[in-house]
Amino acid sequence: MLNCIVSMKPIEKVGKNTKSRNNWLYKHAIHFICSMMLVGISILFCSCSTDDQDEYTNIYTETHKSDQNTNFDDYDNSSDTDWTNNESNAEAENLLINGGMENWFLFTYEILDAWLCHNNYNVKRESKNVYEGHYSTKMQSKESGSTATVDQCIPVEPNGKIRIRFHYYVEQWKANGARTYCYFRTRSTESSTISADELKSFYDKDTYYIIRGGGYGLTYLPHDLNIWQVFDETIEVPPTATYFVFGVNSYYGTTIYVDDCWVTDEIEHSTTGINPVKM
């Protein structure tokens, strides 16, 4: 109908009043069409604005609702926080690489990054039973005469003092169970390993068990089942040693999980004023 009005031509041979009336209708038809277009645009704009406002309101409400329910205790720096890579904190440096057991290479079997595992099939990545982070190391030897081992060689200062700490979880214990199996070297090569006899002459018997046992005076690791336990000992570095090999052995029939491993230079703490690592 509007198209008809717009396209309507003046009628010839009509009176003056008729012609004026047609012009009036033509003019008001144009005004009517323009008004309707403006109304349509206004409705569309308002609709979009309302949807955006509702979306904004929902986001704002949900965000502040989440903020109100936030438990700020979650941000508390507990004693188990790994500070190794946090340069803003003057904390002790972990001499171990990948001490949190987080990084693995996945081939035909899982390989623990930066660590030496003498029998890789006895050492596996664990994601369910962990002390911190996403992964721990499961050590389980299923064959008699086979040992699950993890170790890493790191530089140390002769006549220094190092602190050794790690968490472990005993799932199954049999016979010899598990123990630390650490040693010192004069160089980084295996052939430069300081003999057990020389170490025994340097340490008393109870202290020697820190690096070859379960801690001071203990032949094997304490083995309460199904609970995370901590090994935490400090020991002097022999005067001829420039490298330390931190290691843990799990023997046939025993299943343990190891996580959160640290070796720190304690002499550096006392001389530089750096705070002890939070453990």
Protein backbone atom coordinates (compact mmCIF):
# COMPACT_ATOMS: atom_id res chain seq x y z
CA MET A 1 0.00 0.00 0.00
CA LEU A 2 2.83 2.36 0.87
CA ASN A 3 4.55 1.54 -2.39
CA CYS A 4 1.41 2.47 -4.17
CA ILE A 5 1.28 5.79 -2.35
CA VAL A 6 4.93 6.53 -3.05
CA SER A 7 4.66 5.68 -6.74
CA MET A 8 1.40 7.52 -7.14
CA LYS A 9 1.55 10.11 -9.94
CA PRO A 10 -0.45 13.37 -9.99
CA ILE A 11 -3.71 12.97 -11.88
CA GLU A 12 -3.96 15.12 -14.92
CA LYS A 13 -6.84 17.46 -15.54
CA VAL A 14 -7.92 17.72 -11.97
CA GLY A 15 -8.92 20.66 -9.89
CA LYS A 16 -6.57 22.70 -7.78
CA ASN A 17 -7.89 21.22 -4.50
CA THR A 18 -7.48 17.63 -5.74
CA LYS A 19 -3.90 18.24 -6.81
CA SER A 20 -2.99 19.84 -3.46
CA ARG A 21 -4.56 16.94 -1.60
CA ASN A 22 -2.45 14.42 -3.56
CA ASN A 23 0.73 16.35 -2.79
CA TRP A 24 -0.19 16.37 0.90
CA LEU A 25 -0.72 12.58 0.89
CA TYR A 26 2.58 12.04 -0.92
CA LYS A 27 4.50 14.18 1.59
CA HIS A 28 2.97 12.53 4.66
CA ALA A 29 3.50 9.05 3.23
CA ILE A 30 7.22 9.78 3.02
CA HIS A 31 7.21 11.07 6.61
CA PHE A 32 5.37 7.94 7.75
CA ILE A 33 7.91 5.62 6.10
CA CYS A 34 10.87 7.48 7.61
CA SER A 35 9.23 7.43 11.05
CA MET A 36 8.66 3.67 10.85
CA MET A 37 12.31 3.09 9.88
CA LEU A 38 13.50 5.15 12.85
CA VAL A 39 11.20 3.21 15.18
CA GLY A 40 12.56 -0.09 13.84
CA ILE A 41 16.16 1.01 14.32
CA SER A 42 15.41 2.21 17.87
CA ILE A 43 13.79 -1.12 18.80
CA LEU A 44 16.77 -3.06 17.41
CA PHE A 45 19.25 -0.85 19.30
CA CYS A 46 17.35 -1.17 22.56
CA SER A 47 17.13 -4.94 22.16
CA CYS A 48 20.88 -5.28 21.63
CA SER A 49 21.64 -2.92 24.50
CA THR A 50 19.37 -4.89 26.82
CA ASP A 51 21.01 -8.21 25.92
CA ASP A 52 24.49 -6.77 26.43
CA GLN A 53 23.48 -5.26 29.76
CA ASP A 54 21.98 -8.57 30.92
CA GLU A 55 25.16 -10.37 29.92
CA TYR A 56 27.30 -7.82 31.71
CA THR A 57 25.08 -8.04 34.79
CA ASN A 58 25.36 -11.84 34.83
CA ILE A 59 29.13 -11.73 34.48
CA TYR A 60 29.42 -9.06 37.18
CA THR A 61 27.14 -10.99 39.52
CA GLU A 62 28.91 -14.31 39.03
CA THR A 63 32.35 -12.71 39.40
CA HIS A 64 31.49 -10.97 42.66
CA LYS A 65 29.65 -13.99 43.92
CA SER A 66 32.85 -15.99 43.31
CA ASP A 67 34.91 -13.30 45.05
CA GLN A 68 32.63 -13.40 48.06
CA ASN A 69 33.02 -17.17 48.31
CA THR A 70 36.80 -17.11 47.92
CA ASN A 71 38.66 -18.71 50.78
CA PHE A 72 41.73 -16.58 51.16
CA ASP A 73 43.35 -19.31 53.23
CA ASP A 74 44.05 -20.96 49.86
CA TYR A 75 46.61 -18.25 49.23
CA ASP A 76 48.50 -18.94 52.41
CA ASN A 77 52.10 -19.90 51.73
CA SER A 78 52.27 -23.20 53.53
CA SER A 79 55.48 -24.81 54.62
CA ASP A 80 55.30 -27.22 51.69
CA THR A 81 55.45 -24.59 48.95
CA ASP A 82 58.13 -25.24 46.31
CA TRP A 83 60.18 -22.02 46.20
CA THR A 84 62.87 -23.31 43.82
CA ASN A 85 62.01 -21.17 40.82
CA ASN A 86 60.63 -18.15 42.66
CA GLU A 87 63.41 -15.61 42.25
CA SER A 88 61.54 -12.96 44.20
CA ASN A 89 62.07 -14.95 47.39
CA ALA A 90 65.48 -15.11 49.02
CA GLU A 91 65.18 -18.82 49.62
CA ALA A 92 67.70 -21.64 49.39
CA GLU A 93 68.31 -23.00 45.92
CA ASN A 94 67.41 -26.60 45.22
CA LEU A 95 70.53 -28.13 43.69
CA LEU A 96 68.44 -30.90 42.17
CA ILE A 97 66.88 -30.46 38.73
CA ASN A 98 63.26 -31.56 38.50
CA GLY A 99 63.19 -32.28 42.22
CA GLY A 100 59.40 -32.15 42.17
CA MET A 101 59.29 -35.14 39.77
CA GLU A 102 57.05 -33.16 37.40
CA ASN A 103 58.87 -33.55 34.08
CA TRP A 104 58.90 -36.84 32.18
CA PHE A 105 59.75 -38.06 28.70
CA LEU A 106 57.26 -40.54 27.27
CA PHE A 107 58.70 -43.17 24.93
CA THR A 108 58.16 -46.93 25.07
CA TYR A 109 58.43 -46.36 28.82
CA GLU A 110 58.43 -43.25 31.01
CA ILE A 111 61.75 -41.52 31.67
CA LEU A 112 62.18 -39.13 34.58
CA ASP A 113 63.81 -35.97 33.27
CA ALA A 114 67.28 -35.11 34.71
CA TRP A 115 67.40 -38.30 36.79
CA LEU A 116 69.21 -41.59 36.23
CA CYS A 117 66.99 -44.63 36.70
CA HIS A 118 69.05 -47.80 36.39
CA ASN A 119 66.00 -49.97 35.74
CA ASN A 120 63.49 -47.70 34.02
CA TYR A 121 60.75 -50.33 33.96
CA ASN A 122 60.78 -50.25 37.78
CA VAL A 123 60.28 -46.48 37.88
CA LYS A 124 56.99 -44.99 36.70
CA ARG A 125 55.17 -41.68 36.67
CA GLU A 126 52.35 -41.49 39.23
CA SER A 127 49.48 -38.99 39.03
CA LYS A 128 47.09 -40.17 41.76
CA ASN A 129 49.35 -40.59 44.79
CA VAL A 130 51.40 -37.38 44.96
CA TYR A 131 52.72 -35.21 47.76
CA GLU A 132 52.77 -31.97 45.75
CA GLY A 133 52.32 -30.92 42.16
CA HIS A 134 50.90 -33.22 39.50
CA TYR A 135 53.23 -36.22 39.61
CA SER A 136 55.38 -38.33 41.89
CA THR A 137 57.70 -41.25 41.14
CA LYS A 138 56.48 -44.78 41.77
CA MET A 139 59.31 -47.20 42.56
CA GLN A 140 58.44 -50.89 42.44
CA SER A 141 60.65 -53.89 41.76
CA LYS A 142 58.67 -57.02 40.86
CA GLU A 143 61.64 -59.29 40.19
CA SER A 144 64.02 -60.79 42.72
CA GLY A 145 67.47 -59.27 42.39
CA SER A 146 66.15 -56.17 40.61
CA THR A 147 66.20 -52.77 42.29
CA ALA A 148 64.20 -49.65 41.51
CA THR A 149 66.56 -46.67 41.68
CA VAL A 150 66.53 -42.95 41.05
CA ASP A 151 69.59 -40.73 41.45
CA GLN A 152 71.08 -37.45 40.30
CA CYS A 153 74.61 -36.05 40.38
CA ILE A 154 75.04 -32.41 41.48
CA PRO A 155 78.05 -30.19 42.31
CA VAL A 156 78.81 -29.43 45.96
CA GLU A 157 81.47 -27.53 47.89
CA PRO A 158 84.23 -29.53 49.64
CA ASN A 159 83.99 -29.26 53.44
CA GLY A 160 80.55 -27.79 52.99
CA LYS A 161 77.27 -28.93 54.49
CA ILE A 162 74.18 -30.05 52.61
CA ARG A 163 70.62 -30.66 53.65
CA ILE A 164 68.80 -33.64 52.12
CA ARG A 165 65.03 -33.73 52.17
CA PHE A 166 62.34 -35.68 50.33
CA HIS A 167 58.88 -37.10 50.92
CA TYR A 168 58.01 -40.74 50.45
CA TYR A 169 54.94 -42.95 50.73
CA VAL A 170 55.22 -46.69 51.47
CA GLU A 171 52.48 -48.76 49.88
CA GLN A 172 54.12 -52.16 50.35
CA TRP A 173 57.17 -53.19 52.36
CA LYS A 174 59.16 -56.40 52.17
CA ALA A 175 62.55 -57.59 53.42
CA ASN A 176 65.13 -54.84 52.82
CA GLY A 177 62.47 -52.35 51.85
CA ALA A 178 63.96 -49.02 50.74
CA ARG A 179 66.76 -46.66 51.72
CA THR A 180 68.78 -43.71 50.57
CA TYR A 181 71.69 -44.67 48.37
CA CYS A 182 73.89 -41.60 48.03
CA TYR A 183 77.60 -41.14 47.46
CA PHE A 184 80.24 -38.50 46.84
CA ARG A 185 82.66 -38.09 43.94
CA THR A 186 85.88 -36.17 43.41
CA ARG A 187 84.74 -35.50 39.83
CA SER A 188 81.45 -35.94 38.00
CA THR A 189 82.42 -39.29 36.48
CA GLU A 190 81.34 -42.54 38.09
CA SER A 191 84.93 -43.76 38.25
CA SER A 192 85.74 -40.97 40.71
CA THR A 193 83.25 -42.20 43.32
CA ILE A 194 84.64 -42.06 46.84
CA SER A 195 84.64 -45.56 48.31
CA ALA A 196 82.35 -46.66 51.10
CA ASP A 197 85.38 -47.44 53.28
CA GLU A 198 86.67 -43.89 52.92
CA LEU A 199 83.25 -42.46 53.74
CA LYS A 200 82.95 -44.71 56.79
CA SER A 201 86.29 -43.42 58.01
CA PHE A 202 85.05 -39.86 57.62
CA TYR A 203 81.61 -40.36 59.22
CA ASP A 204 80.61 -42.20 62.35
CA LYS A 205 78.30 -45.18 61.84
CA ASP A 206 75.04 -43.38 62.64
CA THR A 207 75.86 -40.43 60.36
CA TYR A 208 76.81 -42.76 57.51
CA TYR A 209 73.23 -44.07 57.51
CA ILE A 210 72.06 -40.64 56.36
CA ILE A 211 73.46 -41.35 52.91
CA ARG A 212 73.14 -45.15 52.96
CA GLY A 213 70.09 -45.93 55.04
CA GLY A 214 66.99 -44.38 56.49
CA GLY A 215 68.48 -41.39 58.27
CA TYR A 216 70.75 -40.89 61.24
CA GLY A 217 71.21 -44.25 62.98
CA LEU A 218 68.61 -46.02 60.77
CA THR A 219 69.45 -48.85 58.40
CA TYR A 220 66.32 -48.44 56.27
CA LEU A 221 63.66 -45.80 55.80
CA PRO A 222 60.94 -45.77 58.46
CA HIS A 223 58.00 -47.50 56.81
CA ASP A 224 54.60 -46.68 58.21
CA LEU A 225 52.20 -47.76 55.49
CA ASN A 226 49.93 -45.52 53.42
CA ILE A 227 51.06 -42.17 54.75
CA TRP A 228 53.43 -39.54 53.42
CA GLN A 229 56.62 -39.33 55.48
CA VAL A 230 59.57 -36.98 55.28
CA PHE A 231 63.29 -37.65 55.25
CA ASP A 232 65.17 -34.56 56.41
CA GLU A 233 68.85 -34.70 57.36
CA THR A 234 71.95 -32.51 57.17
CA ILE A 235 75.43 -33.88 56.53
CA GLU A 236 78.96 -32.57 55.96
CA VAL A 237 80.67 -32.87 52.58
CA PRO A 238 84.04 -34.69 52.64
CA PRO A 239 87.06 -32.46 51.88
CA THR A 240 87.85 -34.33 48.65
CA ALA A 241 84.31 -34.29 47.26
CA THR A 242 83.13 -31.89 44.57
CA TYR A 243 80.01 -33.83 43.52
CA PHE A 244 77.19 -35.49 45.40
CA VAL A 245 74.89 -38.17 44.03
CA PHE A 246 71.49 -38.14 45.69
CA GLY A 247 69.69 -41.45 45.29
CA VAL A 248 66.91 -43.66 46.63
CA ASN A 249 66.70 -47.45 46.23
CA SER A 250 63.58 -49.59 46.51
CA TYR A 251 64.22 -53.33 46.70
CA TYR A 252 62.25 -56.35 45.54
CA GLY A 253 58.75 -56.62 46.98
CA THR A 254 58.59 -52.99 48.15
CA THR A 255 56.51 -50.25 46.55
CA ILE A 256 57.15 -46.62 47.45
CA TYR A 257 56.36 -43.22 45.96
CA VAL A 258 58.95 -40.43 46.09
CA ASP A 259 58.22 -36.73 45.67
CA ASP A 260 59.40 -33.21 46.53
CA CYS A 261 63.16 -33.90 46.66
CA TRP A 262 65.58 -31.22 47.81
CA VAL A 263 69.32 -30.88 48.31
CA THR A 264 70.45 -27.45 49.51
CA ASP A 265 73.78 -25.88 50.41
CA GLU A 266 73.54 -25.07 54.10
CA ILE A 267 76.90 -23.27 54.32
CA GLU A 268 75.71 -20.75 51.74
CA HIS A 269 72.69 -19.97 53.92
CA SER A 270 74.73 -19.14 56.97
CA THR A 271 77.34 -17.03 55.13
CA THR A 272 75.00 -15.06 52.85
CA GLY A 273 72.11 -14.59 55.25
CA ILE A 274 69.65 -16.32 52.94
CA ASN A 275 66.64 -17.73 54.74
CA PRO A 276 66.45 -21.51 55.02
CA VAL A 277 64.21 -23.10 52.44
CA LYS A 278 60.56 -23.46 53.47
CA MET A 279 59.89 -27.14 53.86
